[in-house]
């Protein structure tokens, strides 16, 4: 009986130790996903181009120039993401949407951009109760201007497949790029951008 109690105590100590080690590992990983700022020198934005977008606050379709969209507030966070309904994109959409009032308090609006069409954006916004604007960039105009699109040669005959770089660019109301972050992590990204802005 004494042996059983002894082994039980040892097992509990091992379990507690392993759990605390796991928490340390998780915290370390989260802390390691720091924002890495990139140069904005190559970004040149044509604010006169018109884009279809979904105002997910009332789920209505609209069309406006990019310049008119960014003139609403002193600063805009333009976020580029690969695809509606994918796990990482959904995580970030929910996080940014939940923090929309926090960003507005600092005079920032949030605009999301992908190649998905408006109907897909609407389904995505409805399914997740999003409060952020979603732009349809069907021709990849914004993606190219913000350097959020790369080309990957994957086939033997040289055909190129384009992919979207998960990116965040902060601009002012004139379209001047202030900060850029490329190939970002999905988890905690909205909070990291908020902390970055708040500490500037």
C-alpha atoms as a PDB file:
ATOM      1  CA  UNK A   1       0.000   0.000   0.000  1.00  0.00           C
ATOM      2  CA  UNK A   2       2.873   2.340   0.897  1.00  0.00           C
ATOM      3  CA  UNK A   3       4.512   1.575  -2.451  1.00  0.00           C
ATOM      4  CA  UNK A   4       1.316   2.457  -4.312  1.00  0.00           C
ATOM      5  CA  UNK A   5       1.051   5.806  -2.480  1.00  0.00           C
ATOM      6  CA  UNK A   6       4.707   6.531  -3.194  1.00  0.00           C
ATOM      7  CA  UNK A   7       4.343   5.840  -6.908  1.00  0.00           C
ATOM      8  CA  UNK A   8       1.131   7.870  -6.997  1.00  0.00           C
ATOM      9  CA  UNK A   9       2.931  10.869  -5.463  1.00  0.00           C
ATOM     10  CA  UNK A  10       5.793  10.511  -7.969  1.00  0.00           C
ATOM     11  CA  UNK A  11       3.318  10.365 -10.872  1.00  0.00           C
ATOM     12  CA  UNK A  12       1.560  13.538  -9.662  1.00  0.00           C
ATOM     13  CA  UNK A  13       4.870  15.411  -9.366  1.00  0.00           C
ATOM     14  CA  UNK A  14       5.877  14.314 -12.898  1.00  0.00           C
ATOM     15  CA  UNK A  15       2.482  15.380 -14.266  1.00  0.00           C
ATOM     16  CA  UNK A  16       2.658  18.821 -12.641  1.00  0.00           C
ATOM     17  CA  UNK A  17       6.222  19.322 -13.859  1.00  0.00           C
ATOM     18  CA  UNK A  18       5.365  18.330 -17.433  1.00  0.00           C
ATOM     19  CA  UNK A  19       2.338  20.657 -17.482  1.00  0.00           C
ATOM     20  CA  UNK A  20       4.373  23.617 -16.283  1.00  0.00           C
ATOM     21  CA  UNK A  21       7.019  22.871 -18.904  1.00  0.00           C
ATOM     22  CA  UNK A  22       4.346  22.759 -21.610  1.00  0.00           C
ATOM     23  CA  UNK A  23       3.017  26.167 -20.539  1.00  0.00           C
ATOM     24  CA  UNK A  24       6.533  27.589 -20.666  1.00  0.00           C
ATOM     25  CA  UNK A  25       6.967  26.272 -24.190  1.00  0.00           C
ATOM     26  CA  UNK A  26       3.652  27.761 -25.346  1.00  0.00           C
ATOM     27  CA  UNK A  27       4.440  31.147 -23.815  1.00  0.00           C
ATOM     28  CA  UNK A  28       7.892  31.139 -25.359  1.00  0.00           C
ATOM     29  CA  UNK A  29       6.469  30.347 -28.793  1.00  0.00           C
ATOM     30  CA  UNK A  30       3.890  33.127 -28.559  1.00  0.00           C
ATOM     31  CA  UNK A  31       6.498  35.651 -27.450  1.00  0.00           C
ATOM     32  CA  UNK A  32       8.768  34.583 -30.302  1.00  0.00           C
ATOM     33  CA  UNK A  33       6.213  35.544 -32.965  1.00  0.00           C
ATOM     34  CA  UNK A  34       7.323  39.164 -33.031  1.00  0.00           C
ATOM     35  CA  UNK A  35       6.444  41.657 -35.733  1.00  0.00           C
ATOM     36  CA  UNK A  36       9.194  42.202 -38.268  1.00  0.00           C
ATOM     37  CA  UNK A  37       8.872  45.522 -40.054  1.00  0.00           C
ATOM     38  CA  UNK A  38       9.782  45.780 -43.735  1.00  0.00           C
ATOM     39  CA  UNK A  39      10.703  48.711 -45.943  1.00  0.00           C
ATOM     40  CA  UNK A  40       7.804  50.657 -47.457  1.00  0.00           C
ATOM     41  CA  UNK A  41       9.969  52.291 -50.139  1.00  0.00           C
ATOM     42  CA  UNK A  42       8.732  50.102 -52.989  1.00  0.00           C
ATOM     43  CA  UNK A  43       5.016  50.638 -52.259  1.00  0.00           C
ATOM     44  CA  UNK A  44       3.268  52.996 -54.687  1.00  0.00           C
ATOM     45  CA  UNK A  45      -0.520  53.216 -54.466  1.00  0.00           C
ATOM     46  CA  UNK A  46      -2.939  54.427 -57.127  1.00  0.00           C
ATOM     47  CA  UNK A  47      -5.749  55.850 -54.980  1.00  0.00           C
ATOM     48  CA  UNK A  48      -7.924  56.655 -58.025  1.00  0.00           C
ATOM     49  CA  UNK A  49      -8.785  53.027 -58.844  1.00  0.00           C
ATOM     50  CA  UNK A  50     -12.262  51.825 -57.924  1.00  0.00           C
ATOM     51  CA  UNK A  51     -12.900  48.591 -56.033  1.00  0.00           C
ATOM     52  CA  UNK A  52     -15.957  46.605 -55.057  1.00  0.00           C
ATOM     53  CA  UNK A  53     -16.101  46.073 -51.341  1.00  0.00           C
ATOM     54  CA  UNK A  54     -18.413  44.729 -48.685  1.00  0.00           C
ATOM     55  CA  UNK A  55     -19.231  46.986 -45.770  1.00  0.00           C
ATOM     56  CA  UNK A  56     -19.726  44.145 -43.329  1.00  0.00           C
ATOM     57  CA  UNK A  57     -21.258  46.438 -40.700  1.00  0.00           C
ATOM     58  CA  UNK A  58     -24.459  46.357 -42.740  1.00  0.00           C
ATOM     59  CA  UNK A  59     -23.514  43.663 -45.270  1.00  0.00           C
ATOM     60  CA  UNK A  60     -24.088  45.933 -48.261  1.00  0.00           C
ATOM     61  CA  UNK A  61     -22.131  45.917 -51.535  1.00  0.00           C
ATOM     62  CA  UNK A  62     -20.457  49.161 -52.565  1.00  0.00           C
ATOM     63  CA  UNK A  63     -17.937  50.505 -55.069  1.00  0.00           C
ATOM     64  CA  UNK A  64     -15.585  53.375 -54.381  1.00  0.00           C
ATOM     65  CA  UNK A  65     -12.074  54.579 -55.107  1.00  0.00           C
ATOM     66  CA  UNK A  66      -9.371  53.420 -52.757  1.00  0.00           C
ATOM     67  CA  UNK A  67      -8.660  57.074 -52.009  1.00  0.00           C
ATOM     68  CA  UNK A  68     -12.225  57.674 -50.811  1.00  0.00           C
ATOM     69  CA  UNK A  69     -12.102  54.551 -48.641  1.00  0.00           C
ATOM     70  CA  UNK A  70      -8.932  55.572 -46.823  1.00  0.00           C
ATOM     71  CA  UNK A  71      -9.976  59.215 -46.432  1.00  0.00           C
ATOM     72  CA  UNK A  72     -12.549  58.259 -43.786  1.00  0.00           C
ATOM     73  CA  UNK A  73      -9.980  58.172 -40.970  1.00  0.00           C
ATOM     74  CA  UNK A  74      -6.434  59.516 -40.398  1.00  0.00           C
ATOM     75  CA  UNK A  75      -4.951  56.004 -40.643  1.00  0.00           C
ATOM     76  CA  UNK A  76      -5.870  52.708 -42.252  1.00  0.00           C
ATOM     77  CA  UNK A  77      -4.637  49.182 -41.630  1.00  0.00           C
ATOM     78  CA  UNK A  78      -4.686  47.332 -44.965  1.00  0.00           C
ATOM     79  CA  UNK A  79      -4.527  43.609 -44.409  1.00  0.00           C
ATOM     80  CA  UNK A  80      -3.953  41.102 -47.231  1.00  0.00           C
ATOM     81  CA  UNK A  81      -5.058  37.507 -46.742  1.00  0.00           C
ATOM     82  CA  UNK A  82      -5.155  34.435 -48.999  1.00  0.00           C
ATOM     83  CA  UNK A  83      -8.686  33.050 -48.804  1.00  0.00           C
ATOM     84  CA  UNK A  84     -12.076  33.393 -47.094  1.00  0.00           C
ATOM     85  CA  UNK A  85     -13.032  30.625 -44.647  1.00  0.00           C
ATOM     86  CA  UNK A  86      -9.545  29.155 -44.208  1.00  0.00           C
ATOM     87  CA  UNK A  87      -8.575  28.572 -40.547  1.00  0.00           C
ATOM     88  CA  UNK A  88      -5.818  31.187 -40.201  1.00  0.00           C
ATOM     89  CA  UNK A  89      -7.714  33.838 -42.146  1.00  0.00           C
ATOM     90  CA  UNK A  90     -10.777  33.247 -39.995  1.00  0.00           C
ATOM     91  CA  UNK A  91      -8.743  33.574 -36.791  1.00  0.00           C
ATOM     92  CA  UNK A  92      -7.376  36.939 -37.908  1.00  0.00           C
ATOM     93  CA  UNK A  93     -10.728  38.185 -39.181  1.00  0.00           C
ATOM     94  CA  UNK A  94     -12.353  37.438 -35.844  1.00  0.00           C
ATOM     95  CA  UNK A  95      -9.498  39.060 -33.906  1.00  0.00           C
ATOM     96  CA  UNK A  96      -9.452  42.255 -35.983  1.00  0.00           C
ATOM     97  CA  UNK A  97     -13.236  42.459 -35.934  1.00  0.00           C
ATOM     98  CA  UNK A  98     -13.349  42.051 -32.155  1.00  0.00           C
ATOM     99  CA  UNK A  99     -10.829  44.890 -31.764  1.00  0.00           C
ATOM    100  CA  UNK A 100     -12.387  47.313 -34.257  1.00  0.00           C
ATOM    101  CA  UNK A 101     -13.420  49.752 -31.513  1.00  0.00           C
ATOM    102  CA  UNK A 102      -9.949  49.625 -29.945  1.00  0.00           C
ATOM    103  CA  UNK A 103      -8.377  50.571 -33.281  1.00  0.00           C
ATOM    104  CA  UNK A 104     -11.013  53.263 -33.905  1.00  0.00           C
ATOM    105  CA  UNK A 105     -10.119  54.796 -30.546  1.00  0.00           C
ATOM    106  CA  UNK A 106      -6.605  55.329 -31.960  1.00  0.00           C
ATOM    107  CA  UNK A 107      -8.069  56.731 -35.247  1.00  0.00           C
ATOM    108  CA  UNK A 108      -7.434  53.605 -37.339  1.00  0.00           C
ATOM    109  CA  UNK A 109      -9.843  51.771 -39.614  1.00  0.00           C
ATOM    110  CA  UNK A 110      -9.314  48.225 -40.897  1.00  0.00           C
ATOM    111  CA  UNK A 111      -9.653  47.144 -44.531  1.00  0.00           C
ATOM    112  CA  UNK A 112      -9.162  43.557 -45.635  1.00  0.00           C
ATOM    113  CA  UNK A 113      -8.140  42.606 -49.171  1.00  0.00           C
ATOM    114  CA  UNK A 114      -8.180  39.307 -51.043  1.00  0.00           C
ATOM    115  CA  UNK A 115      -9.028  38.013 -54.513  1.00  0.00           C
ATOM    116  CA  UNK A 116     -12.288  36.448 -53.288  1.00  0.00           C
ATOM    117  CA  UNK A 117     -15.436  37.817 -54.917  1.00  0.00           C
ATOM    118  CA  UNK A 118     -18.051  39.879 -53.114  1.00  0.00           C
ATOM    119  CA  UNK A 119     -20.450  36.949 -52.626  1.00  0.00           C
ATOM    120  CA  UNK A 120     -17.701  34.984 -50.908  1.00  0.00           C
ATOM    121  CA  UNK A 121     -16.884  38.012 -48.738  1.00  0.00           C
ATOM    122  CA  UNK A 122     -20.544  38.332 -47.762  1.00  0.00           C
ATOM    123  CA  UNK A 123     -20.819  34.674 -46.774  1.00  0.00           C
ATOM    124  CA  UNK A 124     -17.545  34.978 -44.831  1.00  0.00           C
ATOM    125  CA  UNK A 125     -18.732  38.127 -43.020  1.00  0.00           C
ATOM    126  CA  UNK A 126     -22.149  36.676 -42.209  1.00  0.00           C
ATOM    127  CA  UNK A 127     -20.750  33.392 -40.934  1.00  0.00           C
ATOM    128  CA  UNK A 128     -18.354  35.190 -38.562  1.00  0.00           C
ATOM    129  CA  UNK A 129     -20.324  38.376 -37.762  1.00  0.00           C
ATOM    130  CA  UNK A 130     -17.460  40.500 -39.044  1.00  0.00           C
ATOM    131  CA  UNK A 131     -17.343  44.276 -38.676  1.00  0.00           C
ATOM    132  CA  UNK A 132     -14.521  45.003 -41.112  1.00  0.00           C
ATOM    133  CA  UNK A 133     -14.550  46.151 -44.748  1.00  0.00           C
ATOM    134  CA  UNK A 134     -13.585  43.475 -47.283  1.00  0.00           C
ATOM    135  CA  UNK A 135     -12.268  44.541 -50.697  1.00  0.00           C
ATOM    136  CA  UNK A 136     -12.474  42.372 -53.803  1.00  0.00           C
ATOM    137  CA  UNK A 137      -9.160  42.695 -55.620  1.00  0.00           C
ATOM    138  CA  UNK A 138     -10.025  40.474 -58.567  1.00  0.00           C
ATOM    139  CA  UNK A 139      -7.211  41.752 -60.814  1.00  0.00           C
ATOM    140  CA  UNK A 140      -4.615  41.815 -58.008  1.00  0.00           C
ATOM    141  CA  UNK A 141      -4.109  45.578 -58.450  1.00  0.00           C
ATOM    142  CA  UNK A 142      -3.799  46.357 -54.747  1.00  0.00           C
ATOM    143  CA  UNK A 143      -1.871  43.164 -54.105  1.00  0.00           C
ATOM    144  CA  UNK A 144       0.747  44.199 -56.644  1.00  0.00           C
ATOM    145  CA  UNK A 145       0.918  47.822 -55.515  1.00  0.00           C
ATOM    146  CA  UNK A 146       1.440  46.785 -51.889  1.00  0.00           C
ATOM    147  CA  UNK A 147       3.887  43.995 -52.852  1.00  0.00           C
ATOM    148  CA  UNK A 148       1.621  41.396 -51.251  1.00  0.00           C
ATOM    149  CA  UNK A 149       1.665  39.045 -54.220  1.00  0.00           C
ATOM    150  CA  UNK A 150       4.436  36.674 -55.163  1.00  0.00           C
ATOM    151  CA  UNK A 151       4.873  34.297 -58.062  1.00  0.00           C
ATOM    152  CA  UNK A 152       5.832  30.691 -57.542  1.00  0.00           C
ATOM    153  CA  UNK A 153       7.082  28.609 -60.468  1.00  0.00           C
ATOM    154  CA  UNK A 154       5.772  25.146 -59.723  1.00  0.00           C
ATOM    155  CA  UNK A 155       5.339  23.346 -63.040  1.00  0.00           C
ATOM    156  CA  UNK A 156       7.915  21.740 -65.333  1.00  0.00           C
ATOM    157  CA  UNK A 157       6.808  23.918 -68.276  1.00  0.00           C
ATOM    158  CA  UNK A 158       7.429  27.152 -66.365  1.00  0.00           C
ATOM    159  CA  UNK A 159       3.814  28.048 -65.643  1.00  0.00           C
ATOM    160  CA  UNK A 160       3.651  30.353 -62.616  1.00  0.00           C
ATOM    161  CA  UNK A 161       1.149  30.140 -59.791  1.00  0.00           C
ATOM    162  CA  UNK A 162       0.498  33.316 -57.830  1.00  0.00           C
ATOM    163  CA  UNK A 163       0.019  33.320 -54.094  1.00  0.00           C
ATOM    164  CA  UNK A 164      -0.915  36.017 -51.587  1.00  0.00           C
ATOM    165  CA  UNK A 165       1.539  36.963 -48.864  1.00  0.00           C
ATOM    166  CA  UNK A 166      -0.224  37.382 -45.533  1.00  0.00           C
ATOM    167  CA  UNK A 167       0.656  41.046 -44.996  1.00  0.00           C
ATOM    168  CA  UNK A 168      -0.296  44.179 -43.075  1.00  0.00           C
ATOM    169  CA  UNK A 169       0.474  47.696 -44.262  1.00  0.00           C
ATOM    170  CA  UNK A 170      -0.375  50.842 -42.298  1.00  0.00           C
ATOM    171  CA  UNK A 171      -1.049  53.949 -44.400  1.00  0.00           C
ATOM    172  CA  UNK A 172      -2.249  57.492 -43.793  1.00  0.00           C
ATOM    173  CA  UNK A 173      -5.340  59.050 -45.359  1.00  0.00           C
ATOM    174  CA  UNK A 174      -3.340  60.196 -48.387  1.00  0.00           C
ATOM    175  CA  UNK A 175      -2.146  56.673 -49.166  1.00  0.00           C
ATOM    176  CA  UNK A 176       1.377  57.156 -47.861  1.00  0.00           C
ATOM    177  CA  UNK A 177       2.720  53.854 -46.461  1.00  0.00           C
ATOM    178  CA  UNK A 178       4.014  54.202 -42.902  1.00  0.00           C
ATOM    179  CA  UNK A 179       4.738  50.635 -41.770  1.00  0.00           C
ATOM    180  CA  UNK A 180       4.681  47.242 -43.494  1.00  0.00           C
ATOM    181  CA  UNK A 181       4.763  43.683 -42.175  1.00  0.00           C
ATOM    182  CA  UNK A 182       5.006  40.661 -44.484  1.00  0.00           C
ATOM    183  CA  UNK A 183       4.539  36.907 -44.035  1.00  0.00           C
ATOM    184  CA  UNK A 184       2.925  37.508 -40.657  1.00  0.00           C
ATOM    185  CA  UNK A 185       1.680  34.913 -38.187  1.00  0.00           C
ATOM    186  CA  UNK A 186      -2.097  34.546 -37.902  1.00  0.00           C
ATOM    187  CA  UNK A 187      -2.307  33.969 -34.161  1.00  0.00           C
ATOM    188  CA  UNK A 188      -2.286  37.150 -32.015  1.00  0.00           C
ATOM    189  CA  UNK A 189      -1.542  39.322 -35.058  1.00  0.00           C
ATOM    190  CA  UNK A 190      -4.301  41.869 -34.413  1.00  0.00           C
ATOM    191  CA  UNK A 191      -3.149  42.347 -30.827  1.00  0.00           C
ATOM    192  CA  UNK A 192       0.474  42.767 -31.934  1.00  0.00           C
ATOM    193  CA  UNK A 193      -0.482  45.427 -34.478  1.00  0.00           C
ATOM    194  CA  UNK A 194      -2.545  47.221 -31.833  1.00  0.00           C
ATOM    195  CA  UNK A 195       0.346  47.148 -29.350  1.00  0.00           C
ATOM    196  CA  UNK A 196       2.739  48.367 -32.059  1.00  0.00           C
ATOM    197  CA  UNK A 197       0.499  51.332 -32.885  1.00  0.00           C
ATOM    198  CA  UNK A 198      -0.237  52.156 -29.262  1.00  0.00           C
ATOM    199  CA  UNK A 199       3.474  52.251 -28.366  1.00  0.00           C
ATOM    200  CA  UNK A 200       4.450  54.457 -31.317  1.00  0.00           C
END
